[in-house]
Amino acid sequence: MNDPLINISNTLKKTRFEKGLTLDETSNLTGVSKAMLGQIERAESTPTISTLWKISTGLKISFSELLSTSNENNETININEIEPVYESEDKMILYNVFPFDPITGFEYFYIKLLPGAHHVSQPHKSSTVEYVVVTEGKLDITVDDKTHVLESPAAFNFRADKIHTYSNPYGKEVVFQNIVKY
């Protein structure tokens, strides 16, 4: 069970730690008292929406990041039970196994490309890197007008701040994992 107070507490502590801030410094940045910040970090106080907005604005993080939940329950996920997304004339079948989490900064997809599939992906933010691991079949990835042919088992990573394509011009289905790190 996800407890919103624990999630807010953990996110506040983690963000403060990553930024190297004391409670005093965090209080000065956010306009929220040091005492209140301490209570929130200990999950002893339920902050108002107004207080959460002050914290997110002062720490320069998204409001939703404070409310996000992370899966720390060592839960097994059956990919066949995930509702897939169909792209590229239904020839790309994408399973969003681990949706984007602002705390980890990545998302993980399990993807199948049927023969003849061609998917064009628009550029991501400049610091984004994609990691691809082909586990079945043969995949063509084009980045910077250069095509990389990956035959399983194979892996490839690239900066994803340019248009890039995933293609399966071959006669067999290709299966690959895609991690997008923001």
N, C-alpha and C. Protein backbone atom coordinates (compact mmCIF):
# COMPACT_ATOMS: atom_id res chain seq x y z
N MET A 1 0.84 -1.18 0.00
CA MET A 1 0.00 0.00 0.00
C MET A 1 0.89 1.24 0.00
N ASN A 2 0.55 2.21 -0.87
CA ASN A 2 1.31 3.44 -0.94
C ASN A 2 0.73 4.47 0.01
N ASP A 3 1.56 4.99 0.88
CA ASP A 3 1.15 6.02 1.82
C ASP A 3 1.65 7.35 1.29
N PRO A 4 0.74 8.27 0.92
CA PRO A 4 1.16 9.56 0.36
C PRO A 4 2.11 10.33 1.28
N LEU A 5 1.89 10.26 2.60
CA LEU A 5 2.78 10.98 3.53
C LEU A 5 4.20 10.44 3.46
N ILE A 6 4.33 9.13 3.36
CA ILE A 6 5.66 8.51 3.27
C ILE A 6 6.31 8.90 1.95
N ASN A 7 5.52 8.90 0.86
CA ASN A 7 6.07 9.28 -0.45
C ASN A 7 6.57 10.72 -0.44
N ILE A 8 5.78 11.63 0.12
CA ILE A 8 6.17 13.04 0.20
C ILE A 8 7.42 13.17 1.07
N SER A 9 7.42 12.49 2.21
CA SER A 9 8.56 12.51 3.12
C SER A 9 9.83 12.05 2.43
N ASN A 10 9.76 10.89 1.77
CA ASN A 10 10.92 10.33 1.10
C ASN A 10 11.42 11.23 -0.03
N THR A 11 10.50 11.79 -0.80
CA THR A 11 10.90 12.66 -1.91
C THR A 11 11.55 13.93 -1.40
N LEU A 12 10.99 14.53 -0.35
CA LEU A 12 11.57 15.75 0.22
C LEU A 12 12.98 15.47 0.74
N LYS A 13 13.14 14.40 1.52
CA LYS A 13 14.45 14.06 2.06
C LYS A 13 15.46 13.78 0.95
N LYS A 14 15.04 13.00 -0.05
CA LYS A 14 15.94 12.64 -1.15
C LYS A 14 16.35 13.89 -1.93
N THR A 15 15.40 14.76 -2.24
CA THR A 15 15.70 15.98 -3.00
C THR A 15 16.63 16.89 -2.21
N ARG A 16 16.35 17.06 -0.94
CA ARG A 16 17.18 17.92 -0.09
C ARG A 16 18.60 17.37 -0.01
N PHE A 17 18.71 16.06 0.16
CA PHE A 17 20.02 15.41 0.23
C PHE A 17 20.79 15.58 -1.08
N GLU A 18 20.10 15.32 -2.21
CA GLU A 18 20.77 15.43 -3.52
C GLU A 18 21.26 16.85 -3.79
N LYS A 19 20.52 17.84 -3.28
CA LYS A 19 20.90 19.24 -3.49
C LYS A 19 21.86 19.74 -2.42
N GLY A 20 22.14 18.90 -1.43
CA GLY A 20 23.07 19.26 -0.36
C GLY A 20 22.57 20.39 0.52
N LEU A 21 21.25 20.41 0.78
CA LEU A 21 20.64 21.50 1.54
C LEU A 21 20.36 21.10 2.98
N THR A 22 20.54 22.05 3.89
CA THR A 22 20.12 21.86 5.28
C THR A 22 18.64 22.20 5.36
N LEU A 23 18.02 21.91 6.49
CA LEU A 23 16.63 22.32 6.69
C LEU A 23 16.50 23.84 6.65
N ASP A 24 17.47 24.54 7.25
CA ASP A 24 17.46 26.02 7.21
C ASP A 24 17.48 26.53 5.78
N GLU A 25 18.38 26.00 4.97
CA GLU A 25 18.49 26.44 3.58
C GLU A 25 17.22 26.11 2.80
N THR A 26 16.66 24.94 3.06
CA THR A 26 15.42 24.54 2.39
C THR A 26 14.28 25.46 2.81
N SER A 27 14.24 25.83 4.07
CA SER A 27 13.22 26.76 4.57
C SER A 27 13.34 28.11 3.87
N ASN A 28 14.56 28.61 3.71
CA ASN A 28 14.77 29.89 3.03
C ASN A 28 14.34 29.83 1.57
N LEU A 29 14.59 28.71 0.91
CA LEU A 29 14.22 28.56 -0.51
C LEU A 29 12.72 28.43 -0.72
N THR A 30 12.05 27.77 0.22
CA THR A 30 10.64 27.41 0.03
C THR A 30 9.65 28.33 0.73
N GLY A 31 10.12 29.01 1.78
CA GLY A 31 9.18 29.81 2.58
C GLY A 31 8.37 28.96 3.54
N VAL A 32 8.76 27.69 3.72
CA VAL A 32 8.11 26.79 4.66
C VAL A 32 9.03 26.70 5.88
N SER A 33 8.45 26.78 7.06
CA SER A 33 9.28 26.79 8.27
C SER A 33 10.10 25.52 8.41
N LYS A 34 11.24 25.67 9.07
CA LYS A 34 12.14 24.54 9.33
C LYS A 34 11.40 23.46 10.13
N ALA A 35 10.62 23.88 11.10
CA ALA A 35 9.87 22.93 11.93
C ALA A 35 8.89 22.12 11.08
N MET A 36 8.17 22.82 10.19
CA MET A 36 7.20 22.13 9.33
C MET A 36 7.92 21.17 8.37
N LEU A 37 9.04 21.60 7.79
CA LEU A 37 9.79 20.73 6.89
C LEU A 37 10.25 19.46 7.63
N GLY A 38 10.71 19.63 8.87
CA GLY A 38 11.13 18.49 9.67
C GLY A 38 9.98 17.53 9.92
N GLN A 39 8.81 18.08 10.23
CA GLN A 39 7.62 17.24 10.46
C GLN A 39 7.23 16.49 9.19
N ILE A 40 7.33 17.18 8.04
CA ILE A 40 6.98 16.53 6.77
C ILE A 40 7.98 15.40 6.48
N GLU A 41 9.26 15.68 6.71
CA GLU A 41 10.28 14.65 6.46
C GLU A 41 10.09 13.44 7.37
N ARG A 42 9.59 13.64 8.55
CA ARG A 42 9.36 12.52 9.48
C ARG A 42 7.96 11.92 9.29
N ALA A 43 7.21 12.44 8.32
CA ALA A 43 5.83 11.99 8.04
C ALA A 43 4.93 12.17 9.25
N GLU A 44 5.17 13.24 10.02
CA GLU A 44 4.36 13.54 11.20
C GLU A 44 3.28 14.58 10.92
N SER A 45 3.35 15.21 9.75
CA SER A 45 2.40 16.27 9.42
C SER A 45 1.94 16.11 7.99
N THR A 46 0.66 16.35 7.77
CA THR A 46 0.11 16.30 6.42
C THR A 46 0.16 17.71 5.84
N PRO A 47 1.03 17.93 4.84
CA PRO A 47 1.15 19.28 4.28
C PRO A 47 -0.06 19.63 3.42
N THR A 48 -0.38 20.91 3.39
CA THR A 48 -1.46 21.38 2.53
C THR A 48 -0.95 21.46 1.09
N ILE A 49 -1.87 21.58 0.16
CA ILE A 49 -1.50 21.74 -1.25
C ILE A 49 -0.62 22.99 -1.40
N SER A 50 -0.97 24.06 -0.70
CA SER A 50 -0.20 25.29 -0.74
C SER A 50 1.24 25.06 -0.29
N THR A 51 1.41 24.30 0.78
CA THR A 51 2.76 24.00 1.28
C THR A 51 3.53 23.16 0.27
N LEU A 52 2.87 22.18 -0.34
CA LEU A 52 3.53 21.35 -1.35
C LEU A 52 3.97 22.19 -2.55
N TRP A 53 3.11 23.16 -2.95
CA TRP A 53 3.49 24.04 -4.06
C TRP A 53 4.72 24.87 -3.69
N LYS A 54 4.77 25.37 -2.47
CA LYS A 54 5.93 26.15 -2.03
C LYS A 54 7.20 25.30 -2.06
N ILE A 55 7.09 24.07 -1.61
CA ILE A 55 8.24 23.17 -1.58
C ILE A 55 8.70 22.87 -3.01
N SER A 56 7.75 22.50 -3.88
CA SER A 56 8.14 22.14 -5.25
C SER A 56 8.72 23.34 -5.98
N THR A 57 8.15 24.52 -5.79
CA THR A 57 8.67 25.72 -6.44
C THR A 57 10.05 26.08 -5.91
N GLY A 58 10.21 26.07 -4.59
CA GLY A 58 11.48 26.43 -3.98
C GLY A 58 12.60 25.47 -4.32
N LEU A 59 12.29 24.19 -4.41
CA LEU A 59 13.31 23.18 -4.72
C LEU A 59 13.45 22.93 -6.22
N LYS A 60 12.60 23.60 -7.00
CA LYS A 60 12.63 23.47 -8.47
C LYS A 60 12.43 22.02 -8.92
N ILE A 61 11.40 21.41 -8.33
CA ILE A 61 10.98 20.08 -8.76
C ILE A 61 9.51 20.17 -9.12
N SER A 62 9.02 19.21 -9.89
CA SER A 62 7.62 19.25 -10.26
C SER A 62 6.74 18.89 -9.06
N PHE A 63 5.56 19.45 -9.04
CA PHE A 63 4.59 19.17 -7.99
C PHE A 63 4.29 17.66 -7.95
N SER A 64 4.14 17.07 -9.14
CA SER A 64 3.80 15.64 -9.21
C SER A 64 4.93 14.77 -8.66
N GLU A 65 6.17 15.28 -8.70
CA GLU A 65 7.29 14.51 -8.15
C GLU A 65 7.10 14.28 -6.65
N LEU A 66 6.57 15.28 -5.96
CA LEU A 66 6.32 15.13 -4.52
C LEU A 66 5.25 14.08 -4.24
N LEU A 67 4.32 13.94 -5.17
CA LEU A 67 3.21 13.02 -4.96
C LEU A 67 3.42 11.65 -5.58
N SER A 68 4.53 11.49 -6.34
CA SER A 68 4.73 10.24 -7.06
C SER A 68 4.99 9.10 -6.08
N THR A 69 4.69 7.92 -6.57
CA THR A 69 4.94 6.73 -5.78
C THR A 69 6.01 5.91 -6.47
N SER A 70 6.80 5.25 -5.70
CA SER A 70 7.78 4.35 -6.29
C SER A 70 7.48 2.95 -5.82
N ASN A 71 7.80 2.01 -6.66
CA ASN A 71 7.53 0.61 -6.33
C ASN A 71 8.75 0.03 -5.64
N GLU A 72 8.68 -0.07 -4.33
CA GLU A 72 9.78 -0.64 -3.57
C GLU A 72 9.33 -1.92 -2.88
N ASN A 73 8.30 -2.55 -3.44
CA ASN A 73 7.73 -3.73 -2.81
C ASN A 73 8.24 -5.02 -3.41
N ASN A 74 9.29 -4.96 -4.23
CA ASN A 74 9.82 -6.15 -4.87
C ASN A 74 8.70 -6.96 -5.52
N GLU A 75 7.86 -6.27 -6.25
CA GLU A 75 6.69 -6.87 -6.88
C GLU A 75 7.05 -7.49 -8.23
N THR A 76 6.56 -8.70 -8.48
CA THR A 76 6.74 -9.34 -9.77
C THR A 76 5.70 -8.80 -10.74
N ILE A 77 6.15 -8.47 -11.93
CA ILE A 77 5.25 -7.94 -12.95
C ILE A 77 5.19 -8.94 -14.10
N ASN A 78 3.99 -9.39 -14.44
CA ASN A 78 3.80 -10.27 -15.58
C ASN A 78 3.54 -9.38 -16.79
N ILE A 79 4.49 -9.33 -17.71
CA ILE A 79 4.38 -8.43 -18.86
C ILE A 79 3.13 -8.75 -19.69
N ASN A 80 2.73 -10.01 -19.75
CA ASN A 80 1.53 -10.38 -20.51
C ASN A 80 0.25 -9.79 -19.92
N GLU A 81 0.31 -9.33 -18.67
CA GLU A 81 -0.86 -8.72 -18.04
C GLU A 81 -0.91 -7.21 -18.21
N ILE A 82 0.13 -6.63 -18.81
CA ILE A 82 0.16 -5.19 -19.07
C ILE A 82 -0.58 -4.91 -20.37
N GLU A 83 -1.43 -3.91 -20.37
CA GLU A 83 -2.14 -3.52 -21.59
C GLU A 83 -1.15 -2.86 -22.54
N PRO A 84 -0.89 -3.46 -23.71
CA PRO A 84 0.10 -2.87 -24.62
C PRO A 84 -0.44 -1.66 -25.37
N VAL A 85 0.50 -0.88 -25.87
CA VAL A 85 0.19 0.24 -26.75
C VAL A 85 0.63 -0.19 -28.14
N TYR A 86 -0.24 0.03 -29.13
CA TYR A 86 0.08 -0.35 -30.51
C TYR A 86 0.43 0.91 -31.29
N GLU A 87 1.57 0.88 -31.98
CA GLU A 87 2.04 2.01 -32.77
C GLU A 87 2.39 1.53 -34.17
N SER A 88 2.67 2.46 -35.03
CA SER A 88 3.19 2.18 -36.37
C SER A 88 2.37 1.09 -37.07
N GLU A 89 1.11 1.43 -37.32
CA GLU A 89 0.17 0.53 -38.00
C GLU A 89 0.03 -0.81 -37.27
N ASP A 90 0.06 -0.75 -35.93
CA ASP A 90 -0.07 -1.92 -35.07
C ASP A 90 1.07 -2.94 -35.23
N LYS A 91 2.17 -2.52 -35.82
CA LYS A 91 3.32 -3.41 -35.98
C LYS A 91 4.34 -3.23 -34.86
N MET A 92 4.14 -2.23 -34.04
CA MET A 92 4.99 -2.03 -32.86
C MET A 92 4.10 -2.22 -31.64
N ILE A 93 4.46 -3.17 -30.78
CA ILE A 93 3.68 -3.49 -29.60
C ILE A 93 4.55 -3.14 -28.39
N LEU A 94 4.12 -2.14 -27.64
CA LEU A 94 4.94 -1.58 -26.58
C LEU A 94 4.28 -1.83 -25.22
N TYR A 95 5.05 -2.38 -24.30
CA TYR A 95 4.59 -2.62 -22.94
C TYR A 95 5.37 -1.68 -22.01
N ASN A 96 4.67 -0.79 -21.36
CA ASN A 96 5.30 0.16 -20.44
C ASN A 96 5.44 -0.53 -19.09
N VAL A 97 6.54 -1.26 -18.91
CA VAL A 97 6.74 -2.09 -17.73
C VAL A 97 6.98 -1.24 -16.48
N PHE A 98 7.90 -0.30 -16.58
CA PHE A 98 8.19 0.62 -15.49
C PHE A 98 8.01 2.04 -16.02
N PRO A 99 6.82 2.64 -15.81
CA PRO A 99 6.57 3.99 -16.31
C PRO A 99 7.58 4.99 -15.72
N PHE A 100 7.69 6.12 -16.38
CA PHE A 100 8.64 7.14 -15.93
C PHE A 100 8.42 7.48 -14.47
N ASP A 101 9.51 7.52 -13.73
CA ASP A 101 9.50 7.89 -12.33
C ASP A 101 10.52 9.01 -12.17
N PRO A 102 10.07 10.20 -11.76
CA PRO A 102 11.02 11.32 -11.66
C PRO A 102 12.12 11.10 -10.64
N ILE A 103 11.92 10.19 -9.71
CA ILE A 103 12.95 9.93 -8.71
C ILE A 103 14.07 9.10 -9.33
N THR A 104 13.74 8.06 -10.11
CA THR A 104 14.77 7.26 -10.74
C THR A 104 15.26 7.90 -12.04
N GLY A 105 14.40 8.68 -12.69
CA GLY A 105 14.78 9.37 -13.93
C GLY A 105 14.76 8.49 -15.16
N PHE A 106 14.09 7.33 -15.09
CA PHE A 106 14.04 6.49 -16.28
C PHE A 106 12.67 5.82 -16.43
N GLU A 107 12.48 5.27 -17.64
CA GLU A 107 11.33 4.41 -17.89
C GLU A 107 11.82 3.21 -18.69
N TYR A 108 11.09 2.10 -18.57
CA TYR A 108 11.51 0.84 -19.18
C TYR A 108 10.37 0.26 -20.00
N PHE A 109 10.69 -0.08 -21.25
CA PHE A 109 9.70 -0.65 -22.16
C PHE A 109 10.16 -2.02 -22.65
N TYR A 110 9.21 -2.92 -22.79
CA TYR A 110 9.41 -4.21 -23.45
C TYR A 110 8.68 -4.05 -24.77
N ILE A 111 9.38 -4.24 -25.90
CA ILE A 111 8.82 -3.91 -27.20
C ILE A 111 8.96 -5.07 -28.17
N LYS A 112 7.90 -5.28 -28.96
CA LYS A 112 7.93 -6.24 -30.06
C LYS A 112 7.70 -5.46 -31.35
N LEU A 113 8.52 -5.75 -32.36
CA LEU A 113 8.32 -5.17 -33.69
C LEU A 113 8.02 -6.32 -34.64
N LEU A 114 6.88 -6.25 -35.28
CA LEU A 114 6.50 -7.27 -36.26
C LEU A 114 7.24 -6.99 -37.56
N PRO A 115 7.35 -8.00 -38.43
CA PRO A 115 8.01 -7.77 -39.72
C PRO A 115 7.38 -6.59 -40.46
N GLY A 116 8.24 -5.74 -41.02
CA GLY A 116 7.77 -4.56 -41.77
C GLY A 116 7.55 -3.33 -40.90
N ALA A 117 7.74 -3.44 -39.60
CA ALA A 117 7.51 -2.29 -38.72
C ALA A 117 8.58 -1.22 -38.92
N HIS A 118 8.13 0.02 -38.85
CA HIS A 118 9.04 1.17 -38.94
C HIS A 118 8.47 2.26 -38.04
N HIS A 119 9.20 2.60 -36.99
CA HIS A 119 8.73 3.59 -36.03
C HIS A 119 9.73 4.74 -35.94
N VAL A 120 9.21 5.95 -36.14
CA VAL A 120 10.03 7.15 -36.03
C VAL A 120 9.78 7.79 -34.67
N SER A 121 10.85 8.01 -33.91
CA SER A 121 10.74 8.62 -32.58
C SER A 121 11.31 10.03 -32.64
N GLN A 122 10.55 10.98 -32.15
CA GLN A 122 10.99 12.37 -32.15
C GLN A 122 12.09 12.58 -31.11
N PRO A 123 12.88 13.64 -31.23
CA PRO A 123 13.97 13.90 -30.27
C PRO A 123 13.44 14.10 -28.86
N HIS A 124 14.21 13.62 -27.89
CA HIS A 124 13.93 13.84 -26.48
C HIS A 124 14.79 15.00 -25.99
N LYS A 125 14.70 15.33 -24.73
CA LYS A 125 15.55 16.38 -24.15
C LYS A 125 17.02 16.05 -24.40
N SER A 126 17.86 17.08 -24.41
CA SER A 126 19.27 16.90 -24.79
C SER A 126 20.05 15.95 -23.88
N SER A 127 19.64 15.77 -22.65
CA SER A 127 20.40 14.89 -21.75
C SER A 127 19.87 13.45 -21.76
N THR A 128 18.91 13.14 -22.61
CA THR A 128 18.30 11.81 -22.63
C THR A 128 19.16 10.80 -23.38
N VAL A 129 19.30 9.62 -22.79
CA VAL A 129 20.02 8.52 -23.42
C VAL A 129 19.09 7.32 -23.46
N GLU A 130 19.10 6.60 -24.59
CA GLU A 130 18.32 5.37 -24.70
C GLU A 130 19.27 4.18 -24.71
N TYR A 131 18.86 3.12 -24.01
CA TYR A 131 19.60 1.88 -23.96
C TYR A 131 18.69 0.80 -24.54
N VAL A 132 19.18 0.08 -25.53
CA VAL A 132 18.38 -0.92 -26.22
C VAL A 132 19.10 -2.27 -26.11
N VAL A 133 18.35 -3.30 -25.72
CA VAL A 133 18.89 -4.66 -25.66
C VAL A 133 17.96 -5.55 -26.49
N VAL A 134 18.49 -6.09 -27.57
CA VAL A 134 17.71 -6.98 -28.43
C VAL A 134 17.87 -8.41 -27.90
N THR A 135 16.72 -9.04 -27.58
CA THR A 135 16.76 -10.39 -27.02
C THR A 135 16.29 -11.45 -28.00
N GLU A 136 15.55 -11.03 -29.04
CA GLU A 136 15.10 -11.97 -30.08
C GLU A 136 15.07 -11.24 -31.41
N GLY A 137 15.62 -11.88 -32.45
CA GLY A 137 15.52 -11.32 -33.79
C GLY A 137 16.59 -10.30 -34.13
N LYS A 138 16.26 -9.45 -35.10
CA LYS A 138 17.20 -8.49 -35.65
C LYS A 138 16.50 -7.14 -35.78
N LEU A 139 17.16 -6.09 -35.29
CA LEU A 139 16.57 -4.74 -35.23
C LEU A 139 17.50 -3.76 -35.90
N ASP A 140 16.92 -2.85 -36.69
CA ASP A 140 17.67 -1.73 -37.26
C ASP A 140 17.30 -0.47 -36.50
N ILE A 141 18.32 0.24 -36.00
CA ILE A 141 18.12 1.53 -35.35
C ILE A 141 18.90 2.56 -36.16
N THR A 142 18.23 3.64 -36.54
CA THR A 142 18.89 4.70 -37.29
C THR A 142 18.95 5.95 -36.43
N VAL A 143 20.18 6.46 -36.25
CA VAL A 143 20.44 7.69 -35.50
C VAL A 143 21.44 8.48 -36.33
N ASP A 144 21.20 9.77 -36.50
CA ASP A 144 22.12 10.60 -37.29
C ASP A 144 22.34 10.03 -38.70
N ASP A 145 21.29 9.56 -39.30
CA ASP A 145 21.34 8.99 -40.66
C ASP A 145 22.27 7.79 -40.79
N LYS A 146 22.63 7.17 -39.66
CA LYS A 146 23.46 5.97 -39.68
C LYS A 146 22.64 4.83 -39.09
N THR A 147 22.53 3.74 -39.82
CA THR A 147 21.75 2.59 -39.36
C THR A 147 22.66 1.58 -38.68
N HIS A 148 22.22 1.16 -37.50
CA HIS A 148 22.92 0.16 -36.70
C HIS A 148 22.06 -1.10 -36.70
N VAL A 149 22.63 -2.21 -37.13
CA VAL A 149 21.91 -3.48 -37.19
C VAL A 149 22.29 -4.29 -35.95
N LEU A 150 21.27 -4.60 -35.14
CA LEU A 150 21.48 -5.34 -33.90
C LEU A 150 20.82 -6.71 -34.03
N GLU A 151 21.63 -7.75 -33.96
CA GLU A 151 21.10 -9.10 -34.00
C GLU A 151 21.29 -9.72 -32.62
N SER A 152 20.21 -10.31 -32.09
CA SER A 152 20.25 -10.80 -30.71
C SER A 152 21.32 -11.86 -30.52
N PRO A 153 21.93 -11.89 -29.37
CA PRO A 153 21.83 -10.90 -28.30
C PRO A 153 22.76 -9.72 -28.59
N ALA A 154 22.23 -8.51 -28.52
CA ALA A 154 23.02 -7.32 -28.80
C ALA A 154 22.46 -6.14 -28.03
N ALA A 155 23.33 -5.17 -27.77
CA ALA A 155 22.91 -3.97 -27.05
C ALA A 155 23.49 -2.73 -27.72
N PHE A 156 22.83 -1.61 -27.51
CA PHE A 156 23.23 -0.35 -28.14
C PHE A 156 22.69 0.79 -27.28
N ASN A 157 23.47 1.85 -27.14
CA ASN A 157 22.95 3.04 -26.47
C ASN A 157 23.30 4.26 -27.30
N PHE A 158 22.47 5.32 -27.17
CA PHE A 158 22.69 6.52 -27.95
C PHE A 158 22.00 7.70 -27.30
N ARG A 159 22.52 8.90 -27.61
CA ARG A 159 21.86 10.13 -27.18
C ARG A 159 20.60 10.28 -28.02
N ALA A 160 19.49 10.49 -27.35
CA ALA A 160 18.19 10.48 -28.03
C ALA A 160 17.66 11.89 -28.30
N ASP A 161 18.56 12.85 -28.49
CA ASP A 161 18.12 14.22 -28.74
C ASP A 161 17.98 14.53 -30.23
N LYS A 162 17.92 13.47 -31.04
CA LYS A 162 17.73 13.59 -32.48
C LYS A 162 16.63 12.62 -32.89
N ILE A 163 16.06 12.83 -34.07
CA ILE A 163 15.09 11.86 -34.58
C ILE A 163 15.81 10.52 -34.72
N HIS A 164 15.15 9.46 -34.28
CA HIS A 164 15.72 8.12 -34.39
C HIS A 164 14.61 7.15 -34.77
N THR A 165 14.98 6.09 -35.47
CA THR A 165 13.97 5.14 -35.93
C THR A 165 14.32 3.71 -35.51
N TYR A 166 13.26 2.95 -35.32
CA TYR A 166 13.35 1.52 -35.03
C TYR A 166 12.66 0.81 -36.18
N SER A 167 13.36 -0.12 -36.81
CA SER A 167 12.79 -0.81 -37.98
C SER A 167 13.03 -2.30 -37.91
N ASN A 168 12.07 -3.04 -38.47
CA ASN A 168 12.22 -4.48 -38.63
C ASN A 168 11.89 -4.82 -40.09
N PRO A 169 12.89 -4.72 -40.98
CA PRO A 169 12.65 -5.06 -42.38
C PRO A 169 12.80 -6.56 -42.64
N TYR A 170 12.90 -7.33 -41.58
CA TYR A 170 13.18 -8.77 -41.71
C TYR A 170 11.90 -9.59 -41.60
N GLY A 171 11.98 -10.87 -41.80
CA GLY A 171 10.81 -11.74 -41.84
C GLY A 171 10.35 -12.29 -40.50
N LYS A 172 11.08 -11.97 -39.41
CA LYS A 172 10.73 -12.49 -38.09
C LYS A 172 10.51 -11.34 -37.12
N GLU A 173 9.66 -11.59 -36.13
CA GLU A 173 9.44 -10.62 -35.05
C GLU A 173 10.74 -10.34 -34.31
N VAL A 174 10.92 -9.10 -33.87
CA VAL A 174 12.06 -8.75 -33.04
C VAL A 174 11.53 -8.32 -31.67
N VAL A 175 12.23 -8.71 -30.61
CA VAL A 175 11.86 -8.34 -29.25
C VAL A 175 13.05 -7.62 -28.65
N PHE A 176 12.78 -6.44 -28.06
CA PHE A 176 13.86 -5.71 -27.41
C PHE A 176 13.36 -4.96 -26.20
N GLN A 177 14.32 -4.65 -25.32
CA GLN A 177 14.04 -3.86 -24.13
C GLN A 177 14.58 -2.46 -24.40
N ASN A 178 13.87 -1.45 -23.93
CA ASN A 178 14.30 -0.08 -24.14
C ASN A 178 14.21 0.65 -22.82
N ILE A 179 15.35 1.17 -22.38
CA ILE A 179 15.40 1.99 -21.18
C ILE A 179 15.69 3.40 -21.63
N VAL A 180 14.83 4.34 -21.22
CA VAL A 180 15.03 5.74 -21.55
C VAL A 180 15.41 6.45 -20.26
N LYS A 181 16.63 6.98 -20.22
CA LYS A 181 17.16 7.68 -19.05
C LYS A 181 17.14 9.17 -19.31
N TYR A 182 16.38 9.89 -18.50
CA TYR A 182 16.24 11.35 -18.67
C TYR A 182 17.22 12.08 -17.78
